[in-house]
N, C-alpha and C. Protein backbone atom coordinates (compact mmCIF):
# COMPACT_ATOMS: atom_id res chain seq x y z
N MET A 1 0.82 -1.08 0.03
CA MET A 1 -0.01 -0.03 -0.05
C MET A 1 0.91 1.20 -0.05
N LYS A 2 0.57 2.12 -0.86
CA LYS A 2 1.42 3.24 -1.03
C LYS A 2 0.62 4.61 -0.88
N ILE A 3 1.17 5.61 -0.02
CA ILE A 3 0.55 6.83 0.13
C ILE A 3 1.60 7.90 -0.30
N GLU A 4 1.22 8.92 -1.11
CA GLU A 4 2.22 9.79 -1.62
C GLU A 4 1.63 11.23 -1.80
N LEU A 5 2.18 12.27 -1.22
CA LEU A 5 1.77 13.59 -1.41
C LEU A 5 2.88 14.18 -2.37
N ARG A 6 2.31 14.98 -3.41
CA ARG A 6 3.24 15.57 -4.46
C ARG A 6 2.90 17.09 -4.58
N ASP A 7 3.95 17.83 -4.77
CA ASP A 7 3.73 19.28 -5.03
C ASP A 7 3.84 19.60 -6.38
N ALA A 8 3.97 18.52 -7.40
CA ALA A 8 4.09 18.75 -8.85
C ALA A 8 2.99 18.09 -9.48
N PRO A 9 2.54 18.49 -10.68
CA PRO A 9 1.48 17.77 -11.40
C PRO A 9 1.91 16.26 -11.69
N PHE A 10 0.77 15.52 -11.71
CA PHE A 10 0.96 14.11 -12.19
C PHE A 10 -0.07 13.66 -13.11
N ASP A 11 0.18 12.63 -13.79
CA ASP A 11 -0.78 11.97 -14.66
C ASP A 11 -1.32 10.69 -13.98
N PRO A 12 -2.59 10.81 -13.59
CA PRO A 12 -3.04 9.71 -12.74
C PRO A 12 -3.01 8.32 -13.53
N LEU A 13 -3.32 8.30 -14.78
CA LEU A 13 -3.36 7.02 -15.45
C LEU A 13 -1.88 6.54 -15.68
N VAL A 14 -1.00 7.40 -16.05
CA VAL A 14 0.35 6.94 -15.92
C VAL A 14 0.82 6.39 -14.58
N GLU A 15 0.57 7.08 -13.56
CA GLU A 15 0.89 6.56 -12.23
C GLU A 15 0.16 5.22 -11.84
N LEU A 16 -1.09 5.08 -12.29
CA LEU A 16 -1.79 3.87 -12.03
C LEU A 16 -1.03 2.69 -12.79
N GLY A 17 -0.76 2.87 -13.98
CA GLY A 17 -0.09 1.83 -14.84
C GLY A 17 1.26 1.50 -14.25
N ARG A 18 1.95 2.56 -13.88
CA ARG A 18 3.37 2.34 -13.32
C ARG A 18 3.17 1.48 -11.96
N TYR A 19 2.42 1.82 -11.16
CA TYR A 19 2.20 1.17 -9.89
C TYR A 19 1.73 -0.32 -10.12
N GLN A 20 0.74 -0.33 -10.98
CA GLN A 20 0.17 -1.73 -11.19
C GLN A 20 1.22 -2.74 -11.72
N ASN A 21 2.22 -2.13 -12.52
CA ASN A 21 3.28 -3.05 -12.95
C ASN A 21 4.18 -3.52 -11.94
N THR A 22 4.20 -2.82 -10.77
CA THR A 22 5.01 -3.34 -9.61
C THR A 22 4.25 -4.43 -8.84
N LEU A 23 2.97 -4.64 -9.07
CA LEU A 23 2.29 -5.74 -8.36
C LEU A 23 2.39 -7.12 -8.94
N THR A 24 3.58 -7.54 -9.40
CA THR A 24 3.94 -8.75 -10.07
C THR A 24 3.51 -9.94 -9.11
N GLY A 25 3.72 -9.81 -7.86
CA GLY A 25 3.43 -10.85 -7.01
C GLY A 25 1.93 -11.08 -6.77
N LEU A 26 1.00 -10.26 -7.27
CA LEU A 26 -0.42 -10.31 -7.24
C LEU A 26 -1.06 -10.72 -8.46
N HIS A 27 -0.32 -10.88 -9.58
CA HIS A 27 -0.86 -11.27 -10.80
C HIS A 27 -1.68 -12.49 -10.68
N GLY A 28 -2.97 -12.41 -11.14
CA GLY A 28 -3.90 -13.57 -11.07
C GLY A 28 -4.69 -13.61 -9.85
N GLN A 29 -4.34 -12.66 -8.89
CA GLN A 29 -5.07 -12.64 -7.60
C GLN A 29 -6.18 -11.57 -7.61
N TYR A 30 -5.94 -10.42 -8.32
CA TYR A 30 -6.97 -9.50 -8.36
C TYR A 30 -7.83 -9.51 -9.51
N GLY A 31 -9.15 -9.48 -9.26
CA GLY A 31 -10.16 -9.47 -10.35
C GLY A 31 -10.73 -8.08 -10.58
N ALA A 32 -10.34 -7.07 -9.63
CA ALA A 32 -10.95 -5.74 -9.79
C ALA A 32 -9.89 -4.80 -9.33
N THR A 33 -10.00 -3.63 -10.04
CA THR A 33 -9.21 -2.45 -9.65
C THR A 33 -10.18 -1.25 -9.80
N ALA A 34 -10.46 -0.70 -8.70
CA ALA A 34 -11.41 0.42 -8.62
C ALA A 34 -10.46 1.82 -8.47
N ILE A 35 -10.88 2.73 -9.28
CA ILE A 35 -10.06 4.08 -9.18
C ILE A 35 -11.05 5.18 -9.12
N PHE A 36 -10.47 6.16 -8.43
CA PHE A 36 -11.08 7.49 -8.49
C PHE A 36 -10.05 8.51 -8.74
N ILE A 37 -10.32 9.41 -9.66
CA ILE A 37 -9.54 10.61 -9.99
C ILE A 37 -10.21 11.77 -9.78
N GLY A 38 -9.73 12.61 -8.85
CA GLY A 38 -10.33 13.96 -8.60
C GLY A 38 -9.53 15.05 -9.21
N THR A 39 -10.19 16.03 -9.79
CA THR A 39 -9.57 17.14 -10.52
C THR A 39 -10.16 18.44 -9.97
N MET A 40 -9.38 19.52 -10.06
CA MET A 40 -9.83 20.72 -9.63
C MET A 40 -10.82 21.41 -10.54
N ARG A 41 -11.93 21.82 -9.95
CA ARG A 41 -13.00 22.57 -10.69
C ARG A 41 -12.66 23.99 -10.76
N ASP A 42 -13.17 24.73 -11.64
CA ASP A 42 -12.99 26.21 -11.82
C ASP A 42 -14.13 26.98 -11.06
N PHE A 43 -14.95 26.40 -10.28
CA PHE A 43 -16.05 26.98 -9.60
C PHE A 43 -16.15 26.44 -8.17
N ASN A 44 -16.65 27.12 -7.21
CA ASN A 44 -17.10 26.67 -5.96
C ASN A 44 -17.78 27.65 -5.14
N ASP A 45 -18.87 27.24 -4.45
CA ASP A 45 -19.56 28.17 -3.71
C ASP A 45 -19.99 29.46 -4.44
N GLY A 46 -20.44 29.30 -5.64
CA GLY A 46 -20.91 30.44 -6.39
C GLY A 46 -19.87 31.40 -7.09
N ALA A 47 -18.54 30.96 -7.06
CA ALA A 47 -17.61 31.86 -7.54
C ALA A 47 -16.64 30.99 -8.53
N THR A 48 -16.21 31.74 -9.47
CA THR A 48 -15.06 31.17 -10.35
C THR A 48 -13.82 31.11 -9.55
N VAL A 49 -13.07 30.02 -9.62
CA VAL A 49 -11.85 29.80 -8.91
C VAL A 49 -10.71 29.77 -9.96
N GLN A 50 -9.81 30.63 -9.88
CA GLN A 50 -8.74 30.63 -10.83
C GLN A 50 -7.54 29.71 -10.45
N GLU A 51 -7.34 29.66 -9.11
CA GLU A 51 -6.22 28.74 -8.51
C GLU A 51 -6.62 28.35 -7.18
N MET A 52 -6.03 27.20 -6.78
CA MET A 52 -6.22 26.69 -5.37
C MET A 52 -4.83 26.30 -4.79
N THR A 53 -4.68 26.61 -3.52
CA THR A 53 -3.45 26.04 -2.88
C THR A 53 -3.90 25.22 -1.80
N LEU A 54 -3.29 23.98 -1.79
CA LEU A 54 -3.53 22.97 -0.76
C LEU A 54 -2.37 22.90 0.17
N GLU A 55 -2.64 23.16 1.34
CA GLU A 55 -1.51 23.19 2.38
C GLU A 55 -1.93 21.84 3.35
N HIS A 56 -0.78 21.48 3.91
CA HIS A 56 -0.95 20.27 4.87
C HIS A 56 0.26 20.27 5.84
N TYR A 57 0.24 19.45 6.84
CA TYR A 57 1.36 19.20 7.75
C TYR A 57 2.08 17.92 7.33
N PRO A 58 3.33 18.13 6.74
CA PRO A 58 4.09 16.94 6.33
C PRO A 58 4.23 16.00 7.36
N GLY A 59 4.09 14.75 7.13
CA GLY A 59 4.31 13.60 8.07
C GLY A 59 2.99 13.29 8.69
N MET A 60 2.17 14.29 9.27
CA MET A 60 0.94 14.07 9.91
C MET A 60 -0.09 13.70 8.77
N THR A 61 -0.12 14.39 7.69
CA THR A 61 -1.04 14.15 6.65
C THR A 61 -0.92 12.80 6.05
N GLU A 62 0.41 12.36 5.77
CA GLU A 62 0.62 11.08 5.21
C GLU A 62 0.14 9.97 6.23
N ARG A 63 0.46 10.10 7.52
CA ARG A 63 0.04 9.14 8.50
C ARG A 63 -1.52 9.08 8.55
N HIS A 64 -2.19 10.19 8.57
CA HIS A 64 -3.67 10.18 8.51
C HIS A 64 -4.19 9.40 7.29
N LEU A 65 -3.56 9.62 6.15
CA LEU A 65 -4.13 8.84 4.97
C LEU A 65 -3.69 7.47 5.04
N GLN A 66 -2.63 7.05 5.69
CA GLN A 66 -2.26 5.71 5.92
C GLN A 66 -3.33 4.94 6.74
N ARG A 67 -3.82 5.60 7.84
CA ARG A 67 -4.76 5.07 8.70
C ARG A 67 -6.04 4.83 7.92
N ILE A 68 -6.40 5.84 7.07
CA ILE A 68 -7.60 5.55 6.24
C ILE A 68 -7.56 4.40 5.44
N VAL A 69 -6.42 4.14 4.82
CA VAL A 69 -6.24 2.96 3.89
C VAL A 69 -6.24 1.68 4.79
N GLU A 70 -5.52 1.72 5.92
CA GLU A 70 -5.52 0.58 6.79
C GLU A 70 -6.90 0.23 7.28
N ALA A 71 -7.79 1.19 7.59
CA ALA A 71 -9.13 0.98 8.02
C ALA A 71 -9.93 0.18 6.92
N ALA A 72 -9.70 0.71 5.66
CA ALA A 72 -10.30 0.07 4.47
C ALA A 72 -9.92 -1.24 4.40
N ALA A 73 -8.68 -1.59 4.56
CA ALA A 73 -8.09 -2.98 4.49
C ALA A 73 -8.59 -3.85 5.56
N ARG A 74 -8.91 -3.30 6.75
CA ARG A 74 -9.69 -4.18 7.74
C ARG A 74 -11.02 -4.54 7.48
N GLU A 75 -11.71 -3.64 6.72
CA GLU A 75 -13.14 -3.78 6.36
C GLU A 75 -13.27 -4.74 5.20
N TRP A 76 -12.39 -4.65 4.19
CA TRP A 76 -12.57 -5.45 2.99
C TRP A 76 -11.36 -6.07 2.71
N PRO A 77 -11.40 -7.25 1.92
CA PRO A 77 -10.16 -8.01 1.59
C PRO A 77 -9.39 -7.30 0.40
N LEU A 78 -8.59 -6.38 0.78
CA LEU A 78 -7.84 -5.69 -0.28
C LEU A 78 -6.53 -6.26 -0.51
N LEU A 79 -6.09 -6.29 -1.72
CA LEU A 79 -4.76 -6.82 -2.08
C LEU A 79 -3.72 -5.76 -2.02
N ASP A 80 -4.11 -4.53 -2.51
CA ASP A 80 -3.23 -3.31 -2.47
C ASP A 80 -4.00 -2.08 -2.65
N ALA A 81 -3.49 -0.84 -2.40
CA ALA A 81 -4.07 0.33 -2.53
C ALA A 81 -2.90 1.42 -2.89
N LEU A 82 -3.33 2.41 -3.52
CA LEU A 82 -2.47 3.50 -3.95
C LEU A 82 -3.31 4.82 -3.79
N VAL A 83 -2.66 5.83 -3.05
CA VAL A 83 -3.20 7.08 -2.88
C VAL A 83 -2.15 8.04 -3.26
N ILE A 84 -2.36 9.02 -4.23
CA ILE A 84 -1.44 10.00 -4.57
C ILE A 84 -2.33 11.30 -4.41
N HIS A 85 -1.82 12.33 -3.71
CA HIS A 85 -2.56 13.53 -3.49
C HIS A 85 -1.63 14.78 -3.77
N ARG A 86 -2.19 15.66 -4.45
CA ARG A 86 -1.45 16.92 -4.74
C ARG A 86 -1.45 17.85 -3.54
N VAL A 87 -0.33 18.63 -3.38
CA VAL A 87 -0.31 19.64 -2.45
C VAL A 87 0.29 20.89 -3.16
N GLY A 88 0.18 22.13 -2.61
CA GLY A 88 0.62 23.26 -3.26
C GLY A 88 -0.33 23.92 -4.19
N ALA A 89 0.20 24.72 -5.23
CA ALA A 89 -0.68 25.42 -6.15
C ALA A 89 -1.17 24.57 -7.23
N LEU A 90 -2.64 24.62 -7.40
CA LEU A 90 -3.30 23.83 -8.52
C LEU A 90 -3.99 24.79 -9.39
N GLN A 91 -4.13 24.46 -10.68
CA GLN A 91 -4.95 25.15 -11.59
C GLN A 91 -6.18 24.31 -12.01
N PRO A 92 -7.26 25.00 -12.41
CA PRO A 92 -8.44 24.13 -12.83
C PRO A 92 -8.06 23.04 -13.83
N ASN A 93 -8.68 21.99 -13.65
CA ASN A 93 -8.51 20.70 -14.37
C ASN A 93 -7.17 19.85 -13.96
N ASP A 94 -6.38 20.41 -13.08
CA ASP A 94 -5.23 19.63 -12.57
C ASP A 94 -5.85 18.44 -11.82
N PRO A 95 -5.24 17.25 -11.95
CA PRO A 95 -5.58 16.14 -11.05
C PRO A 95 -5.11 16.58 -9.61
N ILE A 96 -6.02 16.23 -8.68
CA ILE A 96 -5.74 16.46 -7.19
C ILE A 96 -5.50 15.24 -6.58
N VAL A 97 -6.16 14.17 -6.87
CA VAL A 97 -6.01 12.93 -6.15
C VAL A 97 -6.30 11.68 -7.02
N LEU A 98 -5.54 10.72 -6.76
CA LEU A 98 -5.77 9.38 -7.36
C LEU A 98 -5.87 8.33 -6.24
N VAL A 99 -6.95 7.69 -6.16
CA VAL A 99 -7.18 6.54 -5.25
C VAL A 99 -7.49 5.33 -6.13
N ALA A 100 -6.56 4.31 -5.87
CA ALA A 100 -6.77 3.02 -6.59
C ALA A 100 -6.79 1.81 -5.55
N VAL A 101 -7.65 0.94 -5.72
CA VAL A 101 -7.77 -0.19 -4.87
C VAL A 101 -7.87 -1.59 -5.66
N TRP A 102 -7.04 -2.54 -5.29
CA TRP A 102 -7.05 -3.78 -6.00
C TRP A 102 -7.59 -4.88 -5.01
N SER A 103 -8.55 -5.73 -5.44
CA SER A 103 -9.18 -6.70 -4.65
C SER A 103 -9.56 -7.87 -5.62
N ALA A 104 -9.89 -8.95 -5.02
CA ALA A 104 -10.26 -10.18 -5.86
C ALA A 104 -11.70 -9.89 -6.52
N GLN A 105 -12.47 -9.20 -5.75
CA GLN A 105 -13.90 -8.94 -6.20
C GLN A 105 -14.14 -7.48 -6.19
N ARG A 106 -15.06 -7.15 -7.17
CA ARG A 106 -15.43 -5.72 -7.54
C ARG A 106 -16.12 -5.07 -6.37
N ALA A 107 -17.04 -5.84 -5.56
CA ALA A 107 -17.77 -5.10 -4.52
C ALA A 107 -16.80 -4.50 -3.49
N ALA A 108 -15.81 -5.36 -3.10
CA ALA A 108 -14.83 -4.85 -2.20
C ALA A 108 -13.97 -3.73 -2.72
N ALA A 109 -13.56 -3.79 -3.90
CA ALA A 109 -12.79 -2.75 -4.56
C ALA A 109 -13.51 -1.45 -4.52
N PHE A 110 -14.79 -1.49 -5.07
CA PHE A 110 -15.65 -0.31 -5.12
C PHE A 110 -15.90 0.30 -3.80
N ALA A 111 -16.24 -0.46 -2.84
CA ALA A 111 -16.59 -0.03 -1.56
C ALA A 111 -15.32 0.65 -0.81
N ALA A 112 -14.25 -0.07 -1.00
CA ALA A 112 -12.97 0.48 -0.36
C ALA A 112 -12.56 1.78 -0.92
N CYS A 113 -12.63 1.83 -2.29
CA CYS A 113 -12.21 3.05 -2.95
C CYS A 113 -13.08 4.22 -2.53
N ARG A 114 -14.30 4.00 -2.44
CA ARG A 114 -15.29 5.07 -2.01
C ARG A 114 -15.06 5.41 -0.49
N LEU A 115 -14.85 4.49 0.29
CA LEU A 115 -14.51 4.88 1.73
C LEU A 115 -13.30 5.65 1.82
N ILE A 116 -12.26 5.17 1.12
CA ILE A 116 -10.99 5.88 1.27
C ILE A 116 -11.17 7.33 0.82
N MET A 117 -11.82 7.60 -0.37
CA MET A 117 -12.05 8.98 -0.87
C MET A 117 -12.98 9.78 -0.02
N GLU A 118 -13.89 9.27 0.57
CA GLU A 118 -14.93 10.03 1.40
C GLU A 118 -14.25 10.34 2.65
N GLU A 119 -13.38 9.44 3.22
CA GLU A 119 -12.81 9.65 4.52
C GLU A 119 -11.68 10.75 4.23
N LEU A 120 -11.02 10.67 3.15
CA LEU A 120 -9.95 11.68 2.84
C LEU A 120 -10.54 13.05 2.71
N LYS A 121 -11.65 13.12 2.00
CA LYS A 121 -12.31 14.40 1.76
C LYS A 121 -12.84 15.04 3.17
N ALA A 122 -13.36 14.10 4.01
CA ALA A 122 -14.03 14.65 5.21
C ALA A 122 -13.03 14.86 6.39
N LYS A 123 -11.96 14.08 6.41
CA LYS A 123 -11.13 14.06 7.61
C LYS A 123 -9.70 14.35 7.37
N ALA A 124 -9.11 14.23 6.21
CA ALA A 124 -7.66 14.38 6.11
C ALA A 124 -7.31 15.84 6.38
N PRO A 125 -6.15 15.98 6.93
CA PRO A 125 -5.66 17.44 7.29
C PRO A 125 -5.17 18.13 6.07
N PHE A 126 -5.99 18.69 5.30
CA PHE A 126 -5.74 19.51 4.14
C PHE A 126 -6.39 20.88 4.36
N TRP A 127 -5.76 22.01 3.94
CA TRP A 127 -6.43 23.29 4.06
C TRP A 127 -6.33 23.93 2.64
N LYS A 128 -7.52 24.38 2.17
CA LYS A 128 -7.64 24.87 0.83
C LYS A 128 -7.84 26.49 0.86
N ARG A 129 -7.00 27.07 0.02
CA ARG A 129 -7.19 28.51 -0.22
C ARG A 129 -7.45 28.80 -1.75
N GLU A 130 -8.55 29.37 -2.07
CA GLU A 130 -8.95 29.57 -3.50
C GLU A 130 -8.71 31.05 -3.82
N GLU A 131 -8.31 31.25 -5.04
CA GLU A 131 -8.09 32.59 -5.62
C GLU A 131 -9.23 32.78 -6.52
N THR A 132 -10.08 33.91 -6.18
CA THR A 132 -11.27 34.17 -7.00
C THR A 132 -11.14 35.63 -7.38
N ALA A 133 -12.01 36.13 -8.19
CA ALA A 133 -12.02 37.54 -8.68
C ALA A 133 -12.13 38.54 -7.41
N ALA A 134 -12.81 38.09 -6.44
CA ALA A 134 -12.98 38.80 -5.23
C ALA A 134 -11.68 38.74 -4.32
N GLY A 135 -10.75 37.97 -4.64
CA GLY A 135 -9.62 37.82 -3.72
C GLY A 135 -9.51 36.44 -3.22
N PRO A 136 -8.49 36.16 -2.43
CA PRO A 136 -8.26 34.82 -1.80
C PRO A 136 -9.39 34.59 -0.76
N ARG A 137 -9.70 33.31 -0.64
CA ARG A 137 -10.57 32.90 0.51
C ARG A 137 -10.17 31.35 0.95
N TRP A 138 -10.34 31.21 2.15
CA TRP A 138 -10.10 29.79 2.78
C TRP A 138 -11.45 28.99 2.58
N VAL A 139 -11.38 27.76 2.17
CA VAL A 139 -12.52 26.94 2.04
C VAL A 139 -12.85 26.25 3.44
N ALA A 140 -13.98 26.63 3.99
CA ALA A 140 -14.38 26.18 5.29
C ALA A 140 -14.90 24.80 5.41
N HIS A 141 -15.28 24.21 4.31
CA HIS A 141 -15.90 22.91 4.26
C HIS A 141 -15.66 22.15 2.87
N ASN A 142 -15.76 20.91 2.90
CA ASN A 142 -15.69 20.20 1.59
C ASN A 142 -17.05 20.17 0.86
N THR A 143 -17.17 20.04 -0.30
CA THR A 143 -18.35 19.71 -1.16
C THR A 143 -18.96 18.48 -0.80
N PRO A 144 -20.26 18.30 -0.88
CA PRO A 144 -20.82 17.11 -0.61
C PRO A 144 -20.51 16.03 -1.61
N SER A 145 -20.61 14.75 -1.18
CA SER A 145 -20.11 13.63 -2.13
C SER A 145 -21.09 13.62 -3.20
């Protein structure tokens, strides 16, 4: 299971393929790979957003994400998981997060992927500052699922 925060843009599908190629010991075991790719929107709370900055506490944020993935692995029979999350300055349409889960069965993969993403959005220690025409603003809450 891999958790990574990045301050540079990434291509989620390239990262997915690259990581899946390292799972040679699992070939033939997984029948399902569930993925979620989140991208930055150019609007939020009624305003156009030109840029967003994601801040975090190094170390603490990674540990929190690791606990989320471990909780999903206790709930469902996962073979592996990958979470890559951007930090720093983002532009509209930039990928923010990739969550990928491998399991023998699709139900477990779908459920675990959703839980990881929902917990990440609701509880992970990230702080968002948006740049709008009216100036910068901190985002007080996440958007509903």
